[in-house]
């Protein structure tokens, strides 16, 4: 699985300039060539930016390794009692799935700052980070090493605006973050939802976006409507979000029931649903429909 060069910053070579793959015996590869070490002596790094690993992609990688071997050795730090992975945790996990006894590594002696930089750039080059993990990695560089957003942008060859927009995603509530991680929302949708500050309201809107397959443009229009629409029936402006959601649900139920449906809120999440009918025949029709839904 060769590294995809994308011209990120000064590149990995500025952090780890030598990458000789000449095979040697264990321990002779310090700051130089490749060696094979026991897979049981290799452990993940707490500095790994990526928190989630797609199981299907790991299986695909394992199959590739089974066919072609590990093309790129893992980059590791010698921690005396074990080797800590700086780059290549996915390859290590895939190798473990295959039951490999040894893995090729290049042993390095780096500072903690170099380790964090390498792990971030390596993952971005390989397209391995989801948007939240990427934002957390940028935040770590800023918080732990005092980098400015401009410095981070230079190191990963992105604009400062891109770094700022990435960091803004951390203002999402936990539930919406997970939807973004799971691929249920795009970063465009997520940035639009940031127009709402309350975490629970963000989640309600995110669910609506996902369920109704709203485009980013449609999501932006919905957010703008929520931000500008005046409260109805004495509702505090902060409750306009749910008022719009309830109205949308009423329209959906109206389509299903074939008659007017009203959702009445009582506060604290409680309320009632009113279904109108205008004749005995219509009542019987609605009753049959409800029974069929219950019996499904």
Protein backbone atom coordinates (compact mmCIF):
# COMPACT_ATOMS: atom_id res chain seq x y z
CA UNK A 1 0.00 0.00 0.00
CA UNK A 2 2.22 2.77 -1.25
CA UNK A 3 2.02 6.28 0.16
CA UNK A 4 0.05 8.65 -2.04
CA UNK A 5 2.18 11.73 -2.48
CA UNK A 6 0.07 14.87 -2.27
CA UNK A 7 2.74 17.46 -1.65
CA UNK A 8 1.64 17.96 1.94
CA UNK A 9 3.70 20.70 3.52
CA UNK A 10 7.36 19.84 3.57
CA UNK A 11 6.31 16.22 3.45
CA UNK A 12 7.16 13.23 5.63
CA UNK A 13 10.77 13.40 4.49
CA UNK A 14 11.22 16.63 6.43
CA UNK A 15 10.37 14.70 9.59
CA UNK A 16 11.87 11.34 8.67
CA UNK A 17 14.30 11.95 5.81
CA UNK A 18 15.61 8.42 5.29
CA UNK A 19 13.41 5.53 4.18
CA UNK A 20 15.77 2.82 3.03
CA UNK A 21 14.03 -0.51 2.61
CA UNK A 22 17.13 -2.67 2.59
CA UNK A 23 16.39 -5.72 4.71
CA UNK A 24 18.55 -6.21 7.79
CA UNK A 25 18.35 -8.13 11.02
CA UNK A 26 16.38 -6.73 13.97
CA UNK A 27 17.95 -3.78 15.80
CA UNK A 28 20.29 -2.90 12.94
CA UNK A 29 17.68 -0.66 11.36
CA UNK A 30 17.81 2.15 13.94
CA UNK A 31 17.26 5.39 12.00
CA UNK A 32 17.94 3.52 8.80
CA UNK A 33 16.97 0.28 7.08
CA UNK A 34 14.02 -2.05 7.34
CA UNK A 35 13.97 -4.91 9.83
CA UNK A 36 11.48 -7.64 10.71
CA UNK A 37 10.23 -7.76 14.30
CA UNK A 38 7.71 -9.92 16.16
CA UNK A 39 4.21 -8.52 15.68
CA UNK A 40 3.60 -9.08 19.41
CA UNK A 41 6.32 -6.54 20.22
CA UNK A 42 4.54 -3.82 18.21
CA UNK A 43 1.82 -1.68 19.83
CA UNK A 44 -0.39 1.24 18.69
CA UNK A 45 0.50 4.78 19.66
CA UNK A 46 -1.67 6.94 21.91
CA UNK A 47 -0.80 9.77 19.49
CA UNK A 48 -2.59 8.04 16.60
CA UNK A 49 -4.92 10.71 15.15
CA UNK A 50 -7.40 8.18 13.77
CA UNK A 51 -9.77 6.83 16.41
CA UNK A 52 -11.96 4.70 14.14
CA UNK A 53 -11.06 1.87 11.80
CA UNK A 54 -13.40 0.68 9.04
CA UNK A 55 -13.66 -3.09 9.42
CA UNK A 56 -14.46 -3.73 5.75
CA UNK A 57 -11.45 -1.69 4.63
CA UNK A 58 -9.24 -3.56 7.07
CA UNK A 59 -10.39 -6.84 5.54
CA UNK A 60 -9.62 -5.49 2.06
CA UNK A 61 -6.17 -4.43 3.22
CA UNK A 62 -5.62 -7.85 4.81
CA UNK A 63 -6.46 -9.51 1.49
CA UNK A 64 -4.03 -7.21 -0.31
CA UNK A 65 -1.29 -8.04 2.20
CA UNK A 66 -2.06 -11.74 1.78
CA UNK A 67 -1.53 -11.39 -1.97
CA UNK A 68 1.37 -8.92 -2.11
CA UNK A 69 2.83 -8.66 1.38
CA UNK A 70 3.37 -5.42 3.30
CA UNK A 71 4.87 -3.10 0.67
CA UNK A 72 5.57 -0.19 3.02
CA UNK A 73 7.17 -1.07 6.38
CA UNK A 74 5.68 0.32 9.55
CA UNK A 75 7.43 3.31 11.09
CA UNK A 76 8.00 2.66 14.82
CA UNK A 77 9.58 4.27 17.86
CA UNK A 78 11.77 2.08 20.07
CA UNK A 79 10.22 2.22 23.55
CA UNK A 80 12.73 -0.29 24.95
CA UNK A 81 10.12 -2.88 26.01
CA UNK A 82 8.09 -2.56 22.79
CA UNK A 83 7.89 -0.75 19.46
CA UNK A 84 5.29 2.01 19.26
CA UNK A 85 3.65 2.56 15.88
CA UNK A 86 4.20 6.02 14.42
CA UNK A 87 2.85 5.19 10.98
CA UNK A 88 1.13 2.07 9.70
CA UNK A 89 -1.40 1.00 12.34
CA UNK A 90 -3.87 -0.16 9.68
CA UNK A 91 -1.19 -2.44 8.19
CA UNK A 92 -0.42 -3.77 11.68
CA UNK A 93 -4.10 -4.48 12.39
CA UNK A 94 -4.54 -6.18 9.01
CA UNK A 95 -1.40 -8.27 9.60
CA UNK A 96 -2.77 -9.40 12.96
CA UNK A 97 -5.98 -10.50 11.26
CA UNK A 98 -3.89 -12.65 8.93
CA UNK A 99 -2.02 -14.15 11.85
CA UNK A 100 1.40 -12.90 10.68
CA UNK A 101 4.21 -13.51 13.15
CA UNK A 102 6.49 -10.69 11.99
CA UNK A 103 6.10 -7.31 10.31
CA UNK A 104 8.65 -5.12 8.51
CA UNK A 105 9.46 -1.90 10.36
CA UNK A 106 11.78 1.07 10.23
CA UNK A 107 12.89 1.98 13.74
CA UNK A 108 13.18 5.69 14.55
CA UNK A 109 14.14 7.84 17.50
CA UNK A 110 11.89 10.91 17.33
CA UNK A 111 10.60 13.59 19.65
CA UNK A 112 6.96 13.51 20.72
CA UNK A 113 6.33 16.51 18.49
CA UNK A 114 7.83 14.75 15.48
CA UNK A 115 5.72 11.67 16.23
CA UNK A 116 2.50 13.72 16.32
CA UNK A 117 3.39 15.51 13.09
CA UNK A 118 4.33 12.33 11.28
CA UNK A 119 1.19 10.47 12.38
CA UNK A 120 -1.05 13.32 11.22
CA UNK A 121 0.63 13.84 7.84
CA UNK A 122 0.90 10.10 7.17
CA UNK A 123 -2.81 9.60 7.80
CA UNK A 124 -3.84 12.58 5.69
CA UNK A 125 -1.65 11.43 2.81
CA UNK A 126 -3.32 8.04 2.93
CA UNK A 127 -6.87 9.49 3.16
CA UNK A 128 -7.34 7.53 6.37
CA UNK A 129 -8.83 10.19 8.63
CA UNK A 130 -12.51 10.99 9.02
CA UNK A 131 -13.30 14.73 9.41
CA UNK A 132 -13.59 14.60 13.21
CA UNK A 133 -10.34 12.71 13.74
CA UNK A 134 -8.61 15.14 11.40
CA UNK A 135 -9.95 18.12 13.36
CA UNK A 136 -8.86 16.53 16.65
CA UNK A 137 -5.38 15.97 15.23
CA UNK A 138 -5.10 19.66 14.29
CA UNK A 139 -6.32 20.62 17.75
CA UNK A 140 -3.70 18.37 19.35
CA UNK A 141 -0.90 20.09 17.43
CA UNK A 142 -2.26 23.48 18.51
CA UNK A 143 -2.87 22.55 22.16
CA UNK A 144 0.16 20.35 22.82
CA UNK A 145 2.83 22.16 20.81
CA UNK A 146 1.55 25.72 20.63
CA UNK A 147 1.15 25.75 16.85
CA UNK A 148 -0.92 28.49 15.29
CA UNK A 149 -3.48 27.62 12.64
CA UNK A 150 -1.14 29.16 10.08
CA UNK A 151 1.67 26.79 11.08
CA UNK A 152 -0.64 23.77 10.96
CA UNK A 153 -1.87 24.86 7.53
CA UNK A 154 1.71 25.12 6.25
CA UNK A 155 2.65 21.67 7.55
CA UNK A 156 -0.28 19.93 5.81
CA UNK A 157 -0.36 22.19 2.73
CA UNK A 158 -3.89 23.41 3.31
CA UNK A 159 -5.26 26.92 3.58
CA UNK A 160 -5.76 28.49 6.96
CA UNK A 161 -9.49 28.67 6.14
CA UNK A 162 -9.53 24.89 5.64
CA UNK A 163 -7.95 24.38 9.07
CA UNK A 164 -10.41 26.82 10.67
CA UNK A 165 -13.40 25.08 9.05
CA UNK A 166 -12.06 21.72 10.18
CA UNK A 167 -11.69 22.88 13.78
CA UNK A 168 -15.23 24.31 13.73
CA UNK A 169 -16.57 20.77 13.34
CA UNK A 170 -15.55 20.16 16.96
CA UNK A 171 -18.42 22.47 17.96
CA UNK A 172 -20.87 19.80 16.82
CA UNK A 173 -22.66 17.80 19.51
CA UNK A 174 -21.39 14.28 20.15
CA UNK A 175 -24.31 12.60 18.33
CA UNK A 176 -23.82 14.69 15.20
CA UNK A 177 -20.07 14.09 15.34
CA UNK A 178 -20.75 10.36 15.28
CA UNK A 179 -23.06 10.72 12.29
CA UNK A 180 -20.24 12.54 10.48
CA UNK A 181 -17.77 9.80 11.45
CA UNK A 182 -20.21 7.13 10.25
CA UNK A 183 -20.60 8.87 6.89
CA UNK A 184 -24.27 9.72 7.43
CA UNK A 185 -23.47 13.41 6.95
CA UNK A 186 -21.02 15.17 4.67
CA UNK A 187 -18.76 17.92 5.96
CA UNK A 188 -20.90 20.35 3.96
CA UNK A 189 -24.01 19.26 5.84
CA UNK A 190 -22.13 19.41 9.13
CA UNK A 191 -20.90 22.95 8.52
CA UNK A 192 -24.46 24.04 7.73
CA UNK A 193 -25.77 22.47 10.93
CA UNK A 194 -23.21 24.51 12.88
CA UNK A 195 -25.63 27.39 12.34
CA UNK A 196 -27.51 25.86 15.29
CA UNK A 197 -25.56 25.94 18.56
CA UNK A 198 -27.64 23.60 20.75
CA UNK A 199 -26.36 20.00 20.52
CA UNK A 200 -29.75 18.31 20.76
CA UNK A 201 -31.29 20.59 18.14
CA UNK A 202 -28.30 19.89 15.91
CA UNK A 203 -29.03 16.18 16.24
CA UNK A 204 -32.74 16.59 15.43
CA UNK A 205 -31.81 18.51 12.29
CA UNK A 206 -29.07 16.04 11.36
CA UNK A 207 -31.56 13.18 11.59
CA UNK A 208 -33.95 15.10 9.35
CA UNK A 209 -31.15 15.72 6.83
CA UNK A 210 -30.24 12.04 6.84
CA UNK A 211 -33.79 10.66 6.76
CA UNK A 212 -34.96 12.96 3.98
CA UNK A 213 -31.66 12.92 2.06
CA UNK A 214 -31.51 16.70 1.99
CA UNK A 215 -28.81 18.29 -0.12
CA UNK A 216 -26.34 20.70 1.43
CA UNK A 217 -28.20 23.56 -0.25
CA UNK A 218 -31.55 22.37 1.14
CA UNK A 219 -29.96 22.03 4.58
CA UNK A 220 -28.61 25.58 4.40
CA UNK A 221 -32.09 26.86 3.45
CA UNK A 222 -33.62 24.99 6.40
CA UNK A 223 -31.06 26.46 8.81
CA UNK A 224 -31.68 29.95 7.45
CA UNK A 225 -35.42 29.47 7.94
CA UNK A 226 -34.87 28.38 11.53
CA UNK A 227 -32.62 31.36 12.18
CA UNK A 228 -34.97 33.94 10.70
CA UNK A 229 -38.50 32.64 11.24
CA UNK A 230 -40.44 34.32 14.02
CA UNK A 231 -41.82 32.20 16.89
CA UNK A 232 -45.42 31.05 16.60
CA UNK A 233 -48.07 30.96 19.32
CA UNK A 234 -45.85 32.59 21.90
CA UNK A 235 -43.05 30.06 21.59
CA UNK A 236 -39.59 31.23 22.65
CA UNK A 237 -37.39 31.75 19.60
CA UNK A 238 -35.17 28.90 20.82
CA UNK A 239 -38.09 26.49 20.16
CA UNK A 240 -38.59 27.46 16.52
CA UNK A 241 -36.38 24.55 15.43
CA UNK A 242 -38.72 21.94 16.87
CA UNK A 243 -41.77 23.84 15.60
CA UNK A 244 -40.45 23.47 12.05
CA UNK A 245 -39.64 19.82 12.60
CA UNK A 246 -43.15 19.16 13.97
CA UNK A 247 -44.72 20.92 11.02
CA UNK A 248 -42.71 18.71 8.67
CA UNK A 249 -43.82 15.60 10.58
CA UNK A 250 -47.44 16.75 10.34
CA UNK A 251 -47.10 16.98 6.57
CA UNK A 252 -45.63 13.48 6.40
CA UNK A 253 -48.43 12.03 8.54
CA UNK A 254 -51.01 13.88 6.45
CA UNK A 255 -49.66 12.14 3.36
CA UNK A 256 -49.86 8.73 5.04
CA UNK A 257 -53.27 9.19 6.66
CA UNK A 258 -54.94 11.09 3.83
CA UNK A 259 -56.36 13.67 6.23
CA UNK A 260 -55.27 16.56 8.46
CA UNK A 261 -52.96 15.60 11.33
CA UNK A 262 -51.87 17.93 14.13
CA UNK A 263 -49.08 17.47 16.67
CA UNK A 264 -49.76 19.30 19.94
CA UNK A 265 -46.88 19.79 22.38
CA UNK A 266 -47.42 19.86 26.14
CA UNK A 267 -43.84 20.52 27.21
CA UNK A 268 -40.96 18.35 28.47
CA UNK A 269 -41.15 16.20 25.34
CA UNK A 270 -44.81 15.23 25.85
CA UNK A 271 -47.72 15.92 23.54
CA UNK A 272 -50.51 14.37 21.47
CA UNK A 273 -51.32 13.63 17.84
CA UNK A 274 -54.77 14.59 16.53
CA UNK A 275 -56.14 12.90 13.38
CA UNK A 276 -59.21 14.53 11.88
CA UNK A 277 -62.04 12.72 10.05
CA UNK A 278 -65.20 14.10 8.45
CA UNK A 279 -67.50 11.11 8.09
CA UNK A 280 -68.13 7.64 9.50
CA UNK A 281 -66.70 6.11 6.34
CA UNK A 282 -63.50 8.11 6.72
CA UNK A 283 -63.20 7.05 10.37
CA UNK A 284 -63.50 3.43 9.30
CA UNK A 285 -60.85 3.95 6.61
CA UNK A 286 -58.44 5.53 9.09
CA UNK A 287 -59.10 2.73 11.58
CA UNK A 288 -58.34 0.07 8.97
CA UNK A 289 -55.17 1.92 8.03
CA UNK A 290 -53.97 2.11 11.61
CA UNK A 291 -54.72 -1.57 12.16
CA UNK A 292 -52.74 -2.51 9.08
CA UNK A 293 -49.78 -0.45 10.31
CA UNK A 294 -49.94 -2.07 13.76
CA UNK A 295 -50.10 -5.57 12.24
CA UNK A 296 -47.13 -5.04 9.90
